Amino acid sequence: MDQGDAAVWAAALGIAGTLAGALGGALVQGRVIRRQVRDQEAADVRHRLREERQAAFAAVLDRCSEAEATFSPIVRARVQPSWDDDADHGELWAPTNAALKALQRAVTAVEITGPGPMADLASAIHYEVQAKANAMRLPAADLAQRVRMFGEHSTALEQAQRTFIREARTVLAAPVR
């Protein structure tokens, strides 16, 4: 092999090395970029889920407050001596029934966005609001018994709300998986 052949071989190997290095670098860079895109997509999904959960959690508390606000006219009517259990009180109960349905939809949103324990806590809030309403709805109980049941469910509802809020803070502060 003479010097000319050696120079050609050296140049060829140099070009091949440069091409291999460039190709290898491009492959590594492509992998890095794909990983960055996947990581960013995952971060975006976690962020959206956190926002959806926050909205769902807030909706449960808002619908609960709205449902409770409908109880005042019912309580005022029930304590009147002229109250008749056998009369049709559909118009009086219509706002409460609508608010309870809205609360159930909010609970369903928490069931969809999760996590499961938050759905259980949201269901507990719905249960207590429903029970509180039923304390005034049930015709069999006397007024004193209704008031006692209403108060018991009010206390249980306050506790359910406190637990829900505490756990919501924990869920929203934790990284979403």
N, C-alpha and C. Protein backbone atom coordinates (compact mmCIF):
# COMPACT_ATOMS: atom_id res chain seq x y z
N MET A 1 0.86 -1.15 0.00
CA MET A 1 0.00 0.00 0.00
C MET A 1 0.91 1.22 0.00
N ASP A 2 0.65 2.12 -0.90
CA ASP A 2 1.48 3.33 -0.96
C ASP A 2 0.79 4.46 -0.22
N GLN A 3 1.43 5.59 -0.23
CA GLN A 3 0.91 6.73 0.54
C GLN A 3 -0.42 7.23 0.00
N GLY A 4 -0.64 7.13 -1.26
CA GLY A 4 -1.90 7.59 -1.86
C GLY A 4 -3.07 6.75 -1.38
N ASP A 5 -2.81 5.40 -1.39
CA ASP A 5 -3.89 4.51 -0.92
C ASP A 5 -4.18 4.75 0.57
N ALA A 6 -3.14 4.95 1.33
CA ALA A 6 -3.31 5.19 2.76
C ALA A 6 -4.10 6.47 3.00
N ALA A 7 -3.83 7.49 2.20
CA ALA A 7 -4.55 8.76 2.34
C ALA A 7 -6.01 8.57 1.99
N VAL A 8 -6.29 7.78 0.94
CA VAL A 8 -7.68 7.54 0.54
C VAL A 8 -8.40 6.76 1.65
N TRP A 9 -7.69 5.74 2.16
CA TRP A 9 -8.31 4.95 3.23
C TRP A 9 -8.53 5.82 4.48
N ALA A 10 -7.61 6.63 4.81
CA ALA A 10 -7.74 7.50 5.98
C ALA A 10 -8.90 8.48 5.78
N ALA A 11 -9.00 9.02 4.57
CA ALA A 11 -10.09 9.95 4.28
C ALA A 11 -11.44 9.22 4.34
N ALA A 12 -11.48 8.01 3.77
CA ALA A 12 -12.71 7.23 3.77
C ALA A 12 -13.13 6.89 5.20
N LEU A 13 -12.15 6.45 6.00
CA LEU A 13 -12.47 6.14 7.39
C LEU A 13 -12.88 7.40 8.15
N GLY A 14 -12.27 8.50 7.85
CA GLY A 14 -12.64 9.76 8.48
C GLY A 14 -14.06 10.17 8.13
N ILE A 15 -14.39 10.02 6.86
CA ILE A 15 -15.76 10.35 6.41
C ILE A 15 -16.76 9.39 7.04
N ALA A 16 -16.42 8.09 7.05
CA ALA A 16 -17.31 7.09 7.64
C ALA A 16 -17.51 7.38 9.13
N GLY A 17 -16.43 7.72 9.82
CA GLY A 17 -16.53 8.06 11.25
C GLY A 17 -17.37 9.28 11.48
N THR A 18 -17.21 10.28 10.64
CA THR A 18 -18.00 11.51 10.76
C THR A 18 -19.47 11.21 10.52
N LEU A 19 -19.77 10.43 9.47
CA LEU A 19 -21.15 10.06 9.17
C LEU A 19 -21.75 9.23 10.31
N ALA A 20 -20.99 8.27 10.82
CA ALA A 20 -21.49 7.44 11.92
C ALA A 20 -21.74 8.31 13.16
N GLY A 21 -20.82 9.21 13.43
CA GLY A 21 -21.00 10.10 14.57
C GLY A 21 -22.21 10.99 14.40
N ALA A 22 -22.41 11.51 13.21
CA ALA A 22 -23.55 12.38 12.95
C ALA A 22 -24.86 11.59 13.05
N LEU A 23 -24.85 10.39 12.46
CA LEU A 23 -26.05 9.55 12.52
C LEU A 23 -26.34 9.14 13.96
N GLY A 24 -25.30 8.72 14.67
CA GLY A 24 -25.49 8.35 16.08
C GLY A 24 -25.98 9.53 16.89
N GLY A 25 -25.41 10.68 16.65
CA GLY A 25 -25.85 11.89 17.37
C GLY A 25 -27.29 12.23 17.05
N ALA A 26 -27.67 12.06 15.77
CA ALA A 26 -29.06 12.34 15.38
C ALA A 26 -30.01 11.36 16.05
N LEU A 27 -29.62 10.09 16.14
CA LEU A 27 -30.46 9.10 16.80
C LEU A 27 -30.63 9.43 18.29
N VAL A 28 -29.53 9.76 18.93
CA VAL A 28 -29.60 10.12 20.35
C VAL A 28 -30.44 11.37 20.54
N GLN A 29 -30.24 12.36 19.69
CA GLN A 29 -31.01 13.60 19.79
C GLN A 29 -32.49 13.31 19.56
N GLY A 30 -32.81 12.45 18.60
CA GLY A 30 -34.21 12.08 18.34
C GLY A 30 -34.85 11.43 19.55
N ARG A 31 -34.10 10.53 20.19
CA ARG A 31 -34.62 9.87 21.39
C ARG A 31 -34.85 10.88 22.51
N VAL A 32 -33.92 11.79 22.68
CA VAL A 32 -34.04 12.81 23.73
C VAL A 32 -35.26 13.69 23.46
N ILE A 33 -35.44 14.08 22.22
CA ILE A 33 -36.58 14.93 21.87
C ILE A 33 -37.89 14.19 22.10
N ARG A 34 -37.96 12.91 21.69
CA ARG A 34 -39.18 12.13 21.90
C ARG A 34 -39.49 12.00 23.39
N ARG A 35 -38.47 11.79 24.17
CA ARG A 35 -38.67 11.67 25.62
C ARG A 35 -39.15 13.00 26.20
N GLN A 36 -38.58 14.11 25.75
CA GLN A 36 -39.02 15.41 26.23
C GLN A 36 -40.47 15.65 25.87
N VAL A 37 -40.86 15.27 24.66
CA VAL A 37 -42.25 15.44 24.22
C VAL A 37 -43.18 14.59 25.09
N ARG A 38 -42.80 13.32 25.33
CA ARG A 38 -43.62 12.45 26.19
C ARG A 38 -43.73 13.01 27.60
N ASP A 39 -42.61 13.48 28.13
CA ASP A 39 -42.63 14.06 29.48
C ASP A 39 -43.51 15.30 29.54
N GLN A 40 -43.44 16.13 28.52
CA GLN A 40 -44.27 17.34 28.49
C GLN A 40 -45.74 16.98 28.36
N GLU A 41 -46.05 16.00 27.51
CA GLU A 41 -47.44 15.56 27.37
C GLU A 41 -47.96 15.02 28.70
N ALA A 42 -47.15 14.22 29.38
CA ALA A 42 -47.55 13.68 30.68
C ALA A 42 -47.78 14.81 31.68
N ALA A 43 -46.92 15.79 31.69
CA ALA A 43 -47.08 16.93 32.60
C ALA A 43 -48.36 17.71 32.26
N ASP A 44 -48.64 17.87 30.97
CA ASP A 44 -49.86 18.56 30.56
C ASP A 44 -51.11 17.79 31.00
N VAL A 45 -51.07 16.48 30.84
CA VAL A 45 -52.21 15.64 31.25
C VAL A 45 -52.41 15.74 32.76
N ARG A 46 -51.32 15.66 33.52
CA ARG A 46 -51.43 15.77 34.98
C ARG A 46 -52.00 17.13 35.38
N HIS A 47 -51.56 18.19 34.70
CA HIS A 47 -52.06 19.53 34.99
C HIS A 47 -53.55 19.64 34.69
N ARG A 48 -53.96 19.12 33.54
CA ARG A 48 -55.39 19.17 33.18
C ARG A 48 -56.23 18.36 34.16
N LEU A 49 -55.73 17.18 34.55
CA LEU A 49 -56.47 16.36 35.51
C LEU A 49 -56.60 17.08 36.84
N ARG A 50 -55.54 17.74 37.29
CA ARG A 50 -55.59 18.50 38.54
C ARG A 50 -56.64 19.60 38.44
N GLU A 51 -56.66 20.31 37.32
CA GLU A 51 -57.65 21.38 37.14
C GLU A 51 -59.07 20.81 37.11
N GLU A 52 -59.26 19.68 36.44
CA GLU A 52 -60.59 19.05 36.39
C GLU A 52 -61.02 18.60 37.78
N ARG A 53 -60.10 18.02 38.52
CA ARG A 53 -60.43 17.60 39.88
C ARG A 53 -60.77 18.79 40.76
N GLN A 54 -59.99 19.85 40.65
CA GLN A 54 -60.25 21.04 41.45
C GLN A 54 -61.64 21.58 41.14
N ALA A 55 -62.00 21.64 39.88
CA ALA A 55 -63.33 22.13 39.49
C ALA A 55 -64.43 21.19 40.00
N ALA A 56 -64.20 19.89 39.91
CA ALA A 56 -65.20 18.92 40.37
C ALA A 56 -65.38 19.00 41.89
N PHE A 57 -64.27 19.13 42.61
CA PHE A 57 -64.35 19.23 44.06
C PHE A 57 -65.09 20.49 44.48
N ALA A 58 -64.77 21.60 43.83
CA ALA A 58 -65.44 22.86 44.15
C ALA A 58 -66.93 22.79 43.82
N ALA A 59 -67.28 22.11 42.73
CA ALA A 59 -68.68 21.99 42.34
C ALA A 59 -69.48 21.25 43.40
N VAL A 60 -68.90 20.22 43.99
CA VAL A 60 -69.62 19.49 45.05
C VAL A 60 -69.94 20.43 46.20
N LEU A 61 -68.97 21.20 46.62
CA LEU A 61 -69.20 22.13 47.74
C LEU A 61 -70.19 23.23 47.37
N ASP A 62 -70.09 23.72 46.13
CA ASP A 62 -71.04 24.76 45.68
C ASP A 62 -72.46 24.21 45.61
N ARG A 63 -72.63 23.02 45.02
CA ARG A 63 -73.97 22.44 44.91
C ARG A 63 -74.53 22.08 46.28
N CYS A 64 -73.66 21.71 47.21
CA CYS A 64 -74.09 21.43 48.58
C CYS A 64 -74.65 22.70 49.22
N SER A 65 -73.94 23.80 49.07
CA SER A 65 -74.41 25.08 49.62
C SER A 65 -75.73 25.49 48.99
N GLU A 66 -75.84 25.29 47.68
CA GLU A 66 -77.09 25.64 47.00
C GLU A 66 -78.25 24.79 47.51
N ALA A 67 -78.00 23.50 47.72
CA ALA A 67 -79.06 22.62 48.24
C ALA A 67 -79.47 23.06 49.64
N GLU A 68 -78.50 23.35 50.48
CA GLU A 68 -78.83 23.77 51.84
C GLU A 68 -79.62 25.07 51.86
N ALA A 69 -79.34 25.94 50.92
CA ALA A 69 -80.06 27.22 50.86
C ALA A 69 -81.55 27.01 50.57
N THR A 70 -81.89 25.88 49.97
CA THR A 70 -83.30 25.63 49.65
C THR A 70 -84.09 25.11 50.85
N PHE A 71 -83.41 24.80 51.95
CA PHE A 71 -84.09 24.22 53.10
C PHE A 71 -84.87 25.25 53.92
N SER A 72 -84.45 26.48 53.92
CA SER A 72 -85.09 27.49 54.79
C SER A 72 -86.60 27.61 54.56
N PRO A 73 -87.09 27.75 53.33
CA PRO A 73 -88.54 27.85 53.16
C PRO A 73 -89.27 26.59 53.63
N ILE A 74 -88.62 25.45 53.47
CA ILE A 74 -89.24 24.19 53.89
C ILE A 74 -89.35 24.14 55.41
N VAL A 75 -88.27 24.49 56.08
CA VAL A 75 -88.27 24.47 57.54
C VAL A 75 -89.31 25.44 58.08
N ARG A 76 -89.36 26.64 57.50
CA ARG A 76 -90.36 27.63 57.95
C ARG A 76 -91.77 27.09 57.75
N ALA A 77 -92.02 26.43 56.63
CA ALA A 77 -93.36 25.90 56.37
C ALA A 77 -93.69 24.74 57.31
N ARG A 78 -92.70 23.89 57.57
CA ARG A 78 -92.94 22.70 58.41
C ARG A 78 -93.26 23.07 59.86
N VAL A 79 -92.73 24.15 60.35
CA VAL A 79 -92.97 24.50 61.75
C VAL A 79 -94.31 25.22 61.95
N GLN A 80 -94.99 25.55 60.88
CA GLN A 80 -96.29 26.21 61.00
C GLN A 80 -97.34 25.21 61.47
N PRO A 81 -98.19 25.63 62.38
CA PRO A 81 -99.24 24.71 62.87
C PRO A 81 -100.20 24.28 61.74
N SER A 82 -100.28 25.07 60.70
CA SER A 82 -101.20 24.75 59.60
C SER A 82 -100.63 23.74 58.61
N TRP A 83 -99.41 23.26 58.84
CA TRP A 83 -98.78 22.30 57.92
C TRP A 83 -99.62 21.03 57.84
N ASP A 84 -99.85 20.58 56.64
CA ASP A 84 -100.63 19.36 56.41
C ASP A 84 -99.75 18.36 55.67
N ASP A 85 -99.40 17.26 56.32
CA ASP A 85 -98.54 16.24 55.70
C ASP A 85 -99.18 15.64 54.45
N ASP A 86 -100.49 15.62 54.40
CA ASP A 86 -101.18 14.99 53.27
C ASP A 86 -101.33 15.91 52.07
N ALA A 87 -101.04 17.18 52.25
CA ALA A 87 -101.19 18.14 51.13
C ALA A 87 -100.04 17.96 50.14
N ASP A 88 -100.27 18.45 48.93
CA ASP A 88 -99.23 18.39 47.89
C ASP A 88 -98.29 19.58 48.08
N HIS A 89 -97.04 19.30 48.36
CA HIS A 89 -96.04 20.34 48.60
C HIS A 89 -94.97 20.32 47.51
N GLY A 90 -95.35 19.89 46.33
CA GLY A 90 -94.40 19.76 45.22
C GLY A 90 -93.67 21.06 44.89
N GLU A 91 -94.40 22.17 44.89
CA GLU A 91 -93.76 23.45 44.56
C GLU A 91 -92.75 23.85 45.64
N LEU A 92 -93.05 23.54 46.88
CA LEU A 92 -92.13 23.86 47.97
C LEU A 92 -90.84 23.04 47.85
N TRP A 93 -90.98 21.79 47.43
CA TRP A 93 -89.83 20.89 47.35
C TRP A 93 -89.09 20.97 46.02
N ALA A 94 -89.66 21.59 45.00
CA ALA A 94 -89.04 21.63 43.67
C ALA A 94 -87.62 22.18 43.68
N PRO A 95 -87.34 23.32 44.35
CA PRO A 95 -85.96 23.81 44.36
C PRO A 95 -84.99 22.84 45.05
N THR A 96 -85.44 22.21 46.11
CA THR A 96 -84.57 21.25 46.82
C THR A 96 -84.30 20.04 45.93
N ASN A 97 -85.35 19.54 45.29
CA ASN A 97 -85.16 18.38 44.41
C ASN A 97 -84.19 18.70 43.27
N ALA A 98 -84.33 19.88 42.69
CA ALA A 98 -83.42 20.29 41.61
C ALA A 98 -81.99 20.43 42.14
N ALA A 99 -81.84 21.01 43.33
CA ALA A 99 -80.50 21.18 43.91
C ALA A 99 -79.87 19.84 44.25
N LEU A 100 -80.68 18.88 44.71
CA LEU A 100 -80.15 17.54 45.00
C LEU A 100 -79.69 16.83 43.72
N LYS A 101 -80.42 17.03 42.65
CA LYS A 101 -80.00 16.45 41.36
C LYS A 101 -78.70 17.09 40.88
N ALA A 102 -78.59 18.39 41.05
CA ALA A 102 -77.35 19.08 40.65
C ALA A 102 -76.17 18.60 41.50
N LEU A 103 -76.42 18.38 42.79
CA LEU A 103 -75.37 17.85 43.67
C LEU A 103 -74.97 16.45 43.23
N GLN A 104 -75.93 15.63 42.84
CA GLN A 104 -75.61 14.27 42.38
C GLN A 104 -74.75 14.33 41.11
N ARG A 105 -75.04 15.26 40.21
CA ARG A 105 -74.21 15.40 39.01
C ARG A 105 -72.79 15.82 39.38
N ALA A 106 -72.66 16.68 40.38
CA ALA A 106 -71.32 17.09 40.82
C ALA A 106 -70.58 15.91 41.45
N VAL A 107 -71.28 15.08 42.19
CA VAL A 107 -70.68 13.88 42.77
C VAL A 107 -70.22 12.95 41.66
N THR A 108 -71.02 12.82 40.62
CA THR A 108 -70.65 11.98 39.48
C THR A 108 -69.38 12.49 38.81
N ALA A 109 -69.24 13.80 38.72
CA ALA A 109 -68.01 14.37 38.14
C ALA A 109 -66.79 13.99 38.97
N VAL A 110 -66.95 13.96 40.30
CA VAL A 110 -65.83 13.54 41.16
C VAL A 110 -65.57 12.04 40.95
N GLU A 111 -66.62 11.27 40.77
CA GLU A 111 -66.43 9.83 40.51
C GLU A 111 -65.65 9.63 39.21
N ILE A 112 -65.87 10.47 38.24
CA ILE A 112 -65.18 10.35 36.95
C ILE A 112 -63.73 10.79 37.06
N THR A 113 -63.48 11.93 37.70
CA THR A 113 -62.12 12.45 37.76
C THR A 113 -61.28 11.79 38.84
N GLY A 114 -61.96 11.24 39.86
CA GLY A 114 -61.23 10.53 40.92
C GLY A 114 -60.49 11.47 41.84
N PRO A 115 -59.70 10.90 42.66
CA PRO A 115 -59.52 9.47 42.92
C PRO A 115 -60.70 8.88 43.67
N GLY A 116 -60.75 7.57 43.74
CA GLY A 116 -61.87 6.86 44.35
C GLY A 116 -62.25 7.33 45.74
N PRO A 117 -61.27 7.52 46.64
CA PRO A 117 -61.65 7.98 47.99
C PRO A 117 -62.36 9.33 47.99
N MET A 118 -62.02 10.21 47.06
CA MET A 118 -62.71 11.50 46.98
C MET A 118 -64.15 11.31 46.51
N ALA A 119 -64.36 10.36 45.63
CA ALA A 119 -65.73 10.06 45.18
C ALA A 119 -66.56 9.56 46.36
N ASP A 120 -65.96 8.75 47.21
CA ASP A 120 -66.67 8.26 48.40
C ASP A 120 -67.01 9.41 49.34
N LEU A 121 -66.08 10.34 49.50
CA LEU A 121 -66.34 11.49 50.37
C LEU A 121 -67.41 12.40 49.78
N ALA A 122 -67.40 12.57 48.47
CA ALA A 122 -68.44 13.37 47.81
C ALA A 122 -69.80 12.70 47.97
N SER A 123 -69.83 11.38 47.85
CA SER A 123 -71.09 10.64 48.05
C SER A 123 -71.59 10.79 49.48
N ALA A 124 -70.67 10.85 50.44
CA ALA A 124 -71.07 11.04 51.83
C ALA A 124 -71.72 12.41 52.03
N ILE A 125 -71.20 13.41 51.35
CA ILE A 125 -71.82 14.75 51.41
C ILE A 125 -73.22 14.69 50.83
N HIS A 126 -73.37 14.06 49.68
CA HIS A 126 -74.69 13.95 49.06
C HIS A 126 -75.65 13.20 49.99
N TYR A 127 -75.17 12.12 50.58
CA TYR A 127 -76.02 11.35 51.49
C TYR A 127 -76.52 12.23 52.64
N GLU A 128 -75.62 13.01 53.24
CA GLU A 128 -76.02 13.84 54.39
C GLU A 128 -76.96 14.96 53.98
N VAL A 129 -76.75 15.54 52.81
CA VAL A 129 -77.68 16.59 52.34
C VAL A 129 -79.05 15.97 52.09
N GLN A 130 -79.06 14.79 51.47
CA GLN A 130 -80.33 14.08 51.22
C GLN A 130 -81.01 13.73 52.54
N ALA A 131 -80.24 13.24 53.49
CA ALA A 131 -80.81 12.88 54.80
C ALA A 131 -81.34 14.12 55.53
N LYS A 132 -80.63 15.21 55.40
CA LYS A 132 -81.08 16.45 56.02
C LYS A 132 -82.41 16.90 55.41
N ALA A 133 -82.51 16.79 54.10
CA ALA A 133 -83.78 17.13 53.43
C ALA A 133 -84.88 16.18 53.88
N ASN A 134 -84.55 14.90 53.93
CA ASN A 134 -85.56 13.91 54.31
C ASN A 134 -86.03 14.08 55.75
N ALA A 135 -85.20 14.67 56.60
CA ALA A 135 -85.64 14.92 57.97
C ALA A 135 -86.87 15.83 57.98
N MET A 136 -86.96 16.71 57.02
CA MET A 136 -88.13 17.58 56.92
C MET A 136 -89.19 17.01 55.97
N ARG A 137 -88.81 16.07 55.14
CA ARG A 137 -89.73 15.51 54.14
C ARG A 137 -90.59 14.40 54.73
N LEU A 138 -90.03 13.60 55.62
CA LEU A 138 -90.73 12.43 56.13
C LEU A 138 -91.96 12.82 56.94
N PRO A 139 -93.12 12.30 56.59
CA PRO A 139 -94.34 12.68 57.29
C PRO A 139 -94.52 11.98 58.63
N ALA A 140 -93.86 10.87 58.88
CA ALA A 140 -94.12 10.07 60.08
C ALA A 140 -93.56 10.70 61.35
N ALA A 141 -92.52 11.48 61.25
CA ALA A 141 -91.87 12.02 62.45
C ALA A 141 -92.60 13.26 62.95
N ASP A 142 -92.63 13.40 64.28
CA ASP A 142 -93.20 14.64 64.81
C ASP A 142 -92.17 15.76 64.67
N LEU A 143 -92.58 16.98 64.94
CA LEU A 143 -91.72 18.13 64.70
C LEU A 143 -90.42 18.05 65.51
N ALA A 144 -90.51 17.67 66.76
CA ALA A 144 -89.30 17.60 67.60
C ALA A 144 -88.33 16.56 67.04
N GLN A 145 -88.86 15.43 66.60
CA GLN A 145 -88.01 14.39 66.03
C GLN A 145 -87.38 14.87 64.72
N ARG A 146 -88.15 15.59 63.90
CA ARG A 146 -87.63 16.14 62.64
C ARG A 146 -86.49 17.11 62.90
N VAL A 147 -86.70 18.01 63.86
CA VAL A 147 -85.68 19.01 64.19
C VAL A 147 -84.42 18.33 64.69
N ARG A 148 -84.57 17.31 65.53
CA ARG A 148 -83.41 16.57 66.04
C ARG A 148 -82.67 15.90 64.88
N MET A 149 -83.39 15.23 64.01
CA MET A 149 -82.77 14.55 62.86
C MET A 149 -82.10 15.57 61.93
N PHE A 150 -82.75 16.70 61.71
CA PHE A 150 -82.20 17.75 60.87
C PHE A 150 -80.87 18.24 61.46
N GLY A 151 -80.85 18.46 62.77
CA GLY A 151 -79.64 18.91 63.45
C GLY A 151 -78.53 17.86 63.39
N GLU A 152 -78.88 16.60 63.60
CA GLU A 152 -77.88 15.53 63.54
C GLU A 152 -77.24 15.45 62.15
N HIS A 153 -78.08 15.56 61.14
CA HIS A 153 -77.55 15.48 59.77
C HIS A 153 -76.79 16.76 59.40
N SER A 154 -77.16 17.88 60.00
CA SER A 154 -76.39 19.11 59.78
C SER A 154 -74.99 18.95 60.34
N THR A 155 -74.88 18.38 61.52
CA THR A 155 -73.58 18.14 62.14
C THR A 155 -72.76 17.15 61.31
N ALA A 156 -73.40 16.07 60.89
CA ALA A 156 -72.71 15.06 60.08
C ALA A 156 -72.27 15.65 58.74
N LEU A 157 -73.10 16.52 58.17
CA LEU A 157 -72.75 17.16 56.90
C LEU A 157 -71.54 18.08 57.08
N GLU A 158 -71.53 18.85 58.15
CA GLU A 158 -70.37 19.72 58.40
C GLU A 158 -69.09 18.91 58.52
N GLN A 159 -69.16 17.78 59.20
CA GLN A 159 -67.98 16.92 59.34
C GLN A 159 -67.58 16.34 57.98
N ALA A 160 -68.55 15.91 57.19
CA ALA A 160 -68.26 15.36 55.86
C ALA A 160 -67.61 16.41 54.97
N GLN A 161 -68.08 17.64 55.08
CA GLN A 161 -67.49 18.72 54.28
C GLN A 161 -66.05 19.01 54.72
N ARG A 162 -65.82 19.04 56.03
CA ARG A 162 -64.46 19.28 56.52
C ARG A 162 -63.51 18.17 56.04
N THR A 163 -63.95 16.94 56.12
CA THR A 163 -63.13 15.82 55.67
C THR A 163 -62.88 15.92 54.17
N PHE A 164 -63.90 16.25 53.42
CA PHE A 164 -63.79 16.39 51.97
C PHE A 164 -62.77 17.47 51.61
N ILE A 165 -62.86 18.61 52.27
CA ILE A 165 -61.95 19.73 51.99
C ILE A 165 -60.51 19.35 52.35
N ARG A 166 -60.34 18.73 53.51
CA ARG A 166 -58.99 18.32 53.93
C ARG A 166 -58.38 17.34 52.92
N GLU A 167 -59.15 16.36 52.51
CA GLU A 167 -58.64 15.37 51.56
C GLU A 167 -58.45 15.97 50.16
N ALA A 168 -59.30 16.91 49.80
CA ALA A 168 -59.15 17.58 48.50
C ALA A 168 -57.83 18.34 48.45
N ARG A 169 -57.50 19.01 49.53
CA ARG A 169 -56.21 19.71 49.59
C ARG A 169 -55.06 18.74 49.41
N THR A 170 -55.15 17.60 50.05
CA THR A 170 -54.10 16.59 49.94
C THR A 170 -53.98 16.08 48.50
N VAL A 171 -55.11 15.76 47.90
CA VAL A 171 -55.11 15.24 46.53
C VAL A 171 -54.56 16.28 45.55
N LEU A 172 -54.99 17.52 45.71
CA LEU A 172 -54.57 18.56 44.77
C LEU A 172 -53.11 18.96 44.97
N ALA A 173 -52.58 18.76 46.17
CA ALA A 173 -51.19 19.11 46.42
C ALA A 173 -50.23 18.02 45.96
N ALA A 174 -50.73 16.79 45.92
CA ALA A 174 -49.87 15.65 45.55
C ALA A 174 -49.68 15.61 44.03
N PRO A 175 -48.53 15.08 43.60
CA PRO A 175 -48.35 14.90 42.16
C PRO A 175 -49.34 13.87 41.64
N VAL A 176 -49.95 14.15 40.49
CA VAL A 176 -50.93 13.26 39.89
C VAL A 176 -50.21 12.12 39.21
N ARG A 177 -50.70 10.92 39.44
CA ARG A 177 -50.10 9.73 38.82
C ARG A 177 -51.01 9.14 37.80
